[in-house]
């Protein structure tokens, strides 16, 4: 594609997928460096659409509210997540997408 041309959605999607593929080793290493509580907490942030303390999310991921609460604090301290207007989000949107694509049990 030449400079100044507009990409198609398919080209954008292909570039996005290629970027995730390129970052997979870095994301995998970071994921493996987290404890189970932190991994489940990141999944809870995603599953709860920013509200990880929802009862249905806690049940789905089999995590206690207190465990999730402390893991949220640890992840916030390491700048992996942030809270804005009482909603949690994963700071790196590519890492969030990579987590969504994981095919491993929570």
N, C-alpha and C. Protein backbone atom coordinates (compact mmCIF):
# COMPACT_ATOMS: atom_id res chain seq x y z
N UNK A 1 0.84 -1.18 0.00
CA UNK A 1 0.00 0.00 0.00
C UNK A 1 0.89 1.24 0.00
N UNK A 2 0.59 2.17 -0.85
CA UNK A 2 1.39 3.39 -0.98
C UNK A 2 1.02 4.40 0.10
N UNK A 3 1.98 5.23 0.45
CA UNK A 3 1.74 6.28 1.44
C UNK A 3 0.59 7.17 0.96
N UNK A 4 -0.28 7.52 1.88
CA UNK A 4 -1.40 8.39 1.57
C UNK A 4 -2.66 7.67 1.11
N UNK A 5 -2.55 6.37 0.83
CA UNK A 5 -3.73 5.60 0.44
C UNK A 5 -4.53 5.22 1.68
N UNK A 6 -5.81 5.04 1.48
CA UNK A 6 -6.69 4.63 2.56
C UNK A 6 -6.77 3.11 2.60
N UNK A 7 -6.56 2.55 3.77
CA UNK A 7 -6.62 1.09 3.93
C UNK A 7 -8.06 0.62 3.96
N UNK A 8 -8.26 -0.58 3.49
CA UNK A 8 -9.57 -1.21 3.61
C UNK A 8 -9.69 -1.81 5.00
N UNK A 9 -10.90 -2.17 5.39
CA UNK A 9 -11.08 -2.81 6.69
C UNK A 9 -10.30 -4.11 6.75
N UNK A 10 -10.31 -4.87 5.66
CA UNK A 10 -9.58 -6.14 5.62
C UNK A 10 -8.08 -5.93 5.82
N UNK A 11 -7.54 -4.86 5.22
CA UNK A 11 -6.12 -4.56 5.41
C UNK A 11 -5.83 -4.16 6.85
N UNK A 12 -6.73 -3.35 7.42
CA UNK A 12 -6.55 -2.95 8.82
C UNK A 12 -6.60 -4.17 9.73
N UNK A 13 -7.59 -5.03 9.50
CA UNK A 13 -7.76 -6.23 10.32
C UNK A 13 -6.54 -7.14 10.20
N UNK A 14 -6.00 -7.27 9.01
CA UNK A 14 -4.81 -8.09 8.79
C UNK A 14 -3.61 -7.50 9.54
N UNK A 15 -3.45 -6.20 9.49
CA UNK A 15 -2.34 -5.54 10.21
C UNK A 15 -2.51 -5.70 11.73
N UNK A 16 -3.74 -5.58 12.21
CA UNK A 16 -4.03 -5.74 13.63
C UNK A 16 -3.68 -7.15 14.09
N UNK A 17 -4.12 -8.15 13.33
CA UNK A 17 -3.81 -9.54 13.66
C UNK A 17 -2.30 -9.80 13.62
N UNK A 18 -1.62 -9.21 12.64
CA UNK A 18 -0.17 -9.37 12.55
C UNK A 18 0.52 -8.76 13.76
N UNK A 19 0.02 -7.64 14.23
CA UNK A 19 0.60 -6.99 15.41
C UNK A 19 0.43 -7.87 16.64
N UNK A 20 -0.77 -8.43 16.81
CA UNK A 20 -1.00 -9.34 17.94
C UNK A 20 -0.09 -10.56 17.85
N UNK A 21 0.09 -11.07 16.66
CA UNK A 21 0.97 -12.22 16.46
C UNK A 21 2.41 -11.87 16.82
N UNK A 22 2.84 -10.68 16.42
CA UNK A 22 4.20 -10.23 16.71
C UNK A 22 4.43 -10.07 18.21
N UNK A 23 3.41 -9.66 18.94
CA UNK A 23 3.54 -9.41 20.38
C UNK A 23 3.24 -10.63 21.24
N UNK A 24 2.89 -11.75 20.63
CA UNK A 24 2.42 -12.92 21.39
C UNK A 24 3.43 -13.41 22.42
N UNK A 25 4.72 -13.40 22.10
CA UNK A 25 5.72 -13.89 23.05
C UNK A 25 5.82 -12.97 24.27
N UNK A 26 5.80 -11.67 24.01
CA UNK A 26 5.85 -10.70 25.11
C UNK A 26 4.61 -10.83 25.99
N UNK A 27 3.43 -10.91 25.37
CA UNK A 27 2.20 -11.04 26.14
C UNK A 27 2.16 -12.36 26.90
N UNK A 28 2.60 -13.43 26.27
CA UNK A 28 2.60 -14.74 26.92
C UNK A 28 3.54 -14.74 28.13
N UNK A 29 4.69 -14.14 27.99
CA UNK A 29 5.64 -14.07 29.12
C UNK A 29 5.04 -13.24 30.26
N UNK A 30 4.42 -12.13 29.94
CA UNK A 30 3.78 -11.31 30.97
C UNK A 30 2.65 -12.05 31.65
N UNK A 31 1.86 -12.78 30.88
CA UNK A 31 0.74 -13.55 31.42
C UNK A 31 1.25 -14.64 32.37
N UNK A 32 2.29 -15.36 31.95
CA UNK A 32 2.84 -16.43 32.79
C UNK A 32 3.47 -15.87 34.06
N UNK A 33 3.88 -14.61 34.04
CA UNK A 33 4.46 -13.99 35.22
C UNK A 33 3.43 -13.55 36.25
N UNK A 34 2.16 -13.59 35.87
CA UNK A 34 1.09 -13.21 36.80
C UNK A 34 0.63 -14.43 37.58
N UNK A 35 0.14 -14.19 38.78
CA UNK A 35 -0.47 -15.26 39.56
C UNK A 35 -1.87 -15.56 39.03
N UNK A 36 -2.41 -16.67 39.47
CA UNK A 36 -3.76 -17.06 39.04
C UNK A 36 -4.79 -15.99 39.39
N UNK A 37 -4.67 -15.39 40.57
CA UNK A 37 -5.63 -14.36 40.98
C UNK A 37 -5.57 -13.16 40.03
N UNK A 38 -4.37 -12.77 39.63
CA UNK A 38 -4.24 -11.64 38.72
C UNK A 38 -4.77 -11.98 37.33
N UNK A 39 -4.50 -13.21 36.87
CA UNK A 39 -5.03 -13.64 35.56
C UNK A 39 -6.56 -13.63 35.58
N UNK A 40 -7.14 -14.18 36.63
CA UNK A 40 -8.60 -14.20 36.72
C UNK A 40 -9.16 -12.79 36.85
N UNK A 41 -8.43 -11.92 37.52
CA UNK A 41 -8.88 -10.54 37.68
C UNK A 41 -8.89 -9.81 36.34
N UNK A 42 -7.86 -10.01 35.54
CA UNK A 42 -7.86 -9.40 34.21
C UNK A 42 -9.04 -9.93 33.38
N UNK A 43 -9.30 -11.22 33.47
CA UNK A 43 -10.44 -11.80 32.77
C UNK A 43 -11.76 -11.22 33.32
N UNK A 44 -11.80 -10.97 34.62
CA UNK A 44 -13.01 -10.41 35.23
C UNK A 44 -13.25 -8.98 34.77
N UNK A 45 -12.19 -8.20 34.61
CA UNK A 45 -12.33 -6.84 34.09
C UNK A 45 -12.96 -6.89 32.70
N UNK A 46 -12.51 -7.83 31.88
CA UNK A 46 -13.05 -7.98 30.53
C UNK A 46 -14.48 -8.50 30.57
N UNK A 47 -14.70 -9.59 31.32
CA UNK A 47 -16.03 -10.22 31.37
C UNK A 47 -17.07 -9.29 31.98
N UNK A 48 -16.66 -8.47 32.93
CA UNK A 48 -17.58 -7.55 33.59
C UNK A 48 -17.68 -6.20 32.90
N UNK A 49 -17.03 -6.08 31.75
CA UNK A 49 -17.05 -4.83 31.00
C UNK A 49 -16.69 -3.65 31.90
N UNK A 50 -15.60 -3.83 32.66
CA UNK A 50 -15.13 -2.77 33.54
C UNK A 50 -15.64 -2.87 34.97
N UNK A 51 -16.57 -3.79 35.21
CA UNK A 51 -17.13 -4.00 36.55
C UNK A 51 -16.87 -5.45 36.97
N UNK A 52 -15.64 -5.74 37.40
CA UNK A 52 -15.26 -7.12 37.68
C UNK A 52 -15.90 -7.73 38.92
N UNK A 53 -16.51 -6.92 39.77
CA UNK A 53 -17.08 -7.43 41.02
C UNK A 53 -18.50 -7.98 40.85
N UNK A 54 -19.03 -8.01 39.65
CA UNK A 54 -20.37 -8.55 39.43
C UNK A 54 -20.42 -10.00 39.90
N UNK A 55 -21.50 -10.34 40.57
CA UNK A 55 -21.64 -11.70 41.12
C UNK A 55 -21.53 -12.75 40.03
N UNK A 56 -22.11 -12.50 38.88
CA UNK A 56 -22.06 -13.49 37.79
C UNK A 56 -20.63 -13.69 37.30
N UNK A 57 -19.83 -12.65 37.29
CA UNK A 57 -18.44 -12.74 36.87
C UNK A 57 -17.64 -13.52 37.91
N UNK A 58 -17.86 -13.22 39.17
CA UNK A 58 -17.16 -13.92 40.25
C UNK A 58 -17.45 -15.41 40.19
N UNK A 59 -18.72 -15.76 39.96
CA UNK A 59 -19.09 -17.18 39.85
C UNK A 59 -18.45 -17.82 38.63
N UNK A 60 -18.54 -17.15 37.50
CA UNK A 60 -18.01 -17.68 36.25
C UNK A 60 -16.51 -17.99 36.37
N UNK A 61 -15.77 -17.10 37.00
CA UNK A 61 -14.33 -17.25 37.09
C UNK A 61 -13.88 -17.94 38.38
N UNK A 62 -14.84 -18.27 39.21
CA UNK A 62 -14.56 -18.96 40.48
C UNK A 62 -13.47 -18.23 41.27
N UNK A 63 -13.76 -16.97 41.57
CA UNK A 63 -12.84 -16.15 42.35
C UNK A 63 -13.63 -15.43 43.44
N UNK A 64 -13.04 -15.37 44.62
CA UNK A 64 -13.68 -14.68 45.74
C UNK A 64 -13.54 -13.17 45.57
N UNK A 65 -14.52 -12.46 46.06
CA UNK A 65 -14.53 -11.00 45.95
C UNK A 65 -13.29 -10.38 46.61
N UNK A 66 -12.91 -10.89 47.77
CA UNK A 66 -11.75 -10.34 48.47
C UNK A 66 -10.45 -10.60 47.69
N UNK A 67 -10.34 -11.77 47.09
CA UNK A 67 -9.16 -12.10 46.28
C UNK A 67 -9.08 -11.16 45.08
N UNK A 68 -10.21 -10.95 44.43
CA UNK A 68 -10.27 -10.06 43.28
C UNK A 68 -9.93 -8.63 43.69
N UNK A 69 -10.45 -8.20 44.82
CA UNK A 69 -10.19 -6.84 45.30
C UNK A 69 -8.69 -6.59 45.45
N UNK A 70 -8.00 -7.51 46.11
CA UNK A 70 -6.56 -7.33 46.33
C UNK A 70 -5.77 -7.46 45.03
N UNK A 71 -6.21 -8.32 44.13
CA UNK A 71 -5.54 -8.45 42.84
C UNK A 71 -5.74 -7.18 42.00
N UNK A 72 -6.91 -6.56 42.09
CA UNK A 72 -7.13 -5.28 41.40
C UNK A 72 -6.12 -4.25 41.87
N UNK A 73 -5.90 -4.19 43.17
CA UNK A 73 -4.94 -3.23 43.73
C UNK A 73 -3.53 -3.51 43.23
N UNK A 74 -3.14 -4.79 43.22
CA UNK A 74 -1.78 -5.14 42.75
C UNK A 74 -1.62 -4.78 41.28
N UNK A 75 -2.62 -5.09 40.46
CA UNK A 75 -2.55 -4.78 39.03
C UNK A 75 -2.56 -3.27 38.78
N UNK A 76 -3.28 -2.54 39.60
CA UNK A 76 -3.28 -1.08 39.47
C UNK A 76 -1.90 -0.52 39.86
N UNK A 77 -1.29 -1.09 40.90
CA UNK A 77 0.02 -0.64 41.34
C UNK A 77 1.10 -0.86 40.27
N UNK A 78 0.92 -1.89 39.44
CA UNK A 78 1.89 -2.17 38.37
C UNK A 78 1.46 -1.55 37.04
N UNK A 79 0.40 -0.76 37.07
CA UNK A 79 -0.12 -0.03 35.89
C UNK A 79 -0.60 -0.96 34.78
N UNK A 80 -1.02 -2.17 35.15
CA UNK A 80 -1.63 -3.07 34.17
C UNK A 80 -3.09 -2.72 33.95
N UNK A 81 -3.72 -2.16 34.98
CA UNK A 81 -5.12 -1.74 34.88
C UNK A 81 -5.24 -0.35 35.51
N UNK A 82 -6.35 0.31 35.21
CA UNK A 82 -6.63 1.60 35.83
C UNK A 82 -8.14 1.72 36.02
N UNK A 83 -8.50 2.58 36.95
CA UNK A 83 -9.91 2.83 37.22
C UNK A 83 -10.21 4.27 36.85
N UNK A 84 -11.20 4.44 35.98
CA UNK A 84 -11.65 5.76 35.57
C UNK A 84 -13.17 5.76 35.69
N UNK A 85 -13.69 6.72 36.44
CA UNK A 85 -15.14 6.83 36.64
C UNK A 85 -15.74 5.51 37.15
N UNK A 86 -15.04 4.90 38.10
CA UNK A 86 -15.48 3.66 38.77
C UNK A 86 -15.58 2.46 37.83
N UNK A 87 -14.86 2.51 36.71
CA UNK A 87 -14.81 1.38 35.78
C UNK A 87 -13.34 1.02 35.57
N UNK A 88 -13.06 -0.26 35.67
CA UNK A 88 -11.70 -0.75 35.49
C UNK A 88 -11.46 -1.02 34.01
N UNK A 89 -10.23 -0.80 33.58
CA UNK A 89 -9.85 -1.16 32.21
C UNK A 89 -8.40 -1.61 32.20
N UNK A 90 -8.09 -2.45 31.22
CA UNK A 90 -6.72 -2.89 31.01
C UNK A 90 -6.02 -1.78 30.22
N UNK A 91 -4.87 -1.36 30.69
CA UNK A 91 -4.19 -0.20 30.11
C UNK A 91 -3.80 -0.45 28.65
N UNK A 92 -3.30 -1.62 28.35
CA UNK A 92 -2.85 -1.93 26.99
C UNK A 92 -3.98 -2.63 26.22
N UNK A 93 -4.61 -1.95 25.28
CA UNK A 93 -5.73 -2.56 24.56
C UNK A 93 -5.32 -3.79 23.73
N UNK A 94 -4.07 -3.85 23.29
CA UNK A 94 -3.62 -5.04 22.57
C UNK A 94 -3.49 -6.23 23.51
N UNK A 95 -3.00 -6.00 24.72
CA UNK A 95 -2.94 -7.07 25.71
C UNK A 95 -4.35 -7.55 26.05
N UNK A 96 -5.29 -6.63 26.17
CA UNK A 96 -6.68 -7.00 26.43
C UNK A 96 -7.21 -7.90 25.31
N UNK A 97 -6.96 -7.53 24.09
CA UNK A 97 -7.43 -8.34 22.96
C UNK A 97 -6.76 -9.71 22.97
N UNK A 98 -5.47 -9.75 23.29
CA UNK A 98 -4.75 -11.02 23.37
C UNK A 98 -5.39 -11.92 24.43
N UNK A 99 -5.73 -11.35 25.59
CA UNK A 99 -6.38 -12.13 26.65
C UNK A 99 -7.72 -12.65 26.16
N UNK A 100 -8.49 -11.82 25.48
CA UNK A 100 -9.79 -12.25 24.96
C UNK A 100 -9.66 -13.45 24.04
N UNK A 101 -8.56 -13.51 23.31
CA UNK A 101 -8.35 -14.58 22.34
C UNK A 101 -7.76 -15.86 22.94
N UNK A 102 -7.35 -15.81 24.20
CA UNK A 102 -6.81 -17.00 24.85
C UNK A 102 -7.86 -18.11 24.87
N UNK A 103 -7.42 -19.30 24.66
CA UNK A 103 -8.34 -20.45 24.68
C UNK A 103 -8.01 -21.38 25.84
N UNK A 104 -7.67 -20.78 26.97
CA UNK A 104 -7.37 -21.58 28.16
C UNK A 104 -8.43 -21.29 29.22
N UNK A 105 -8.71 -22.27 30.07
CA UNK A 105 -9.70 -22.03 31.13
C UNK A 105 -9.24 -20.93 32.08
N UNK A 106 -10.20 -20.22 32.64
CA UNK A 106 -9.89 -19.15 33.60
C UNK A 106 -9.46 -19.73 34.92
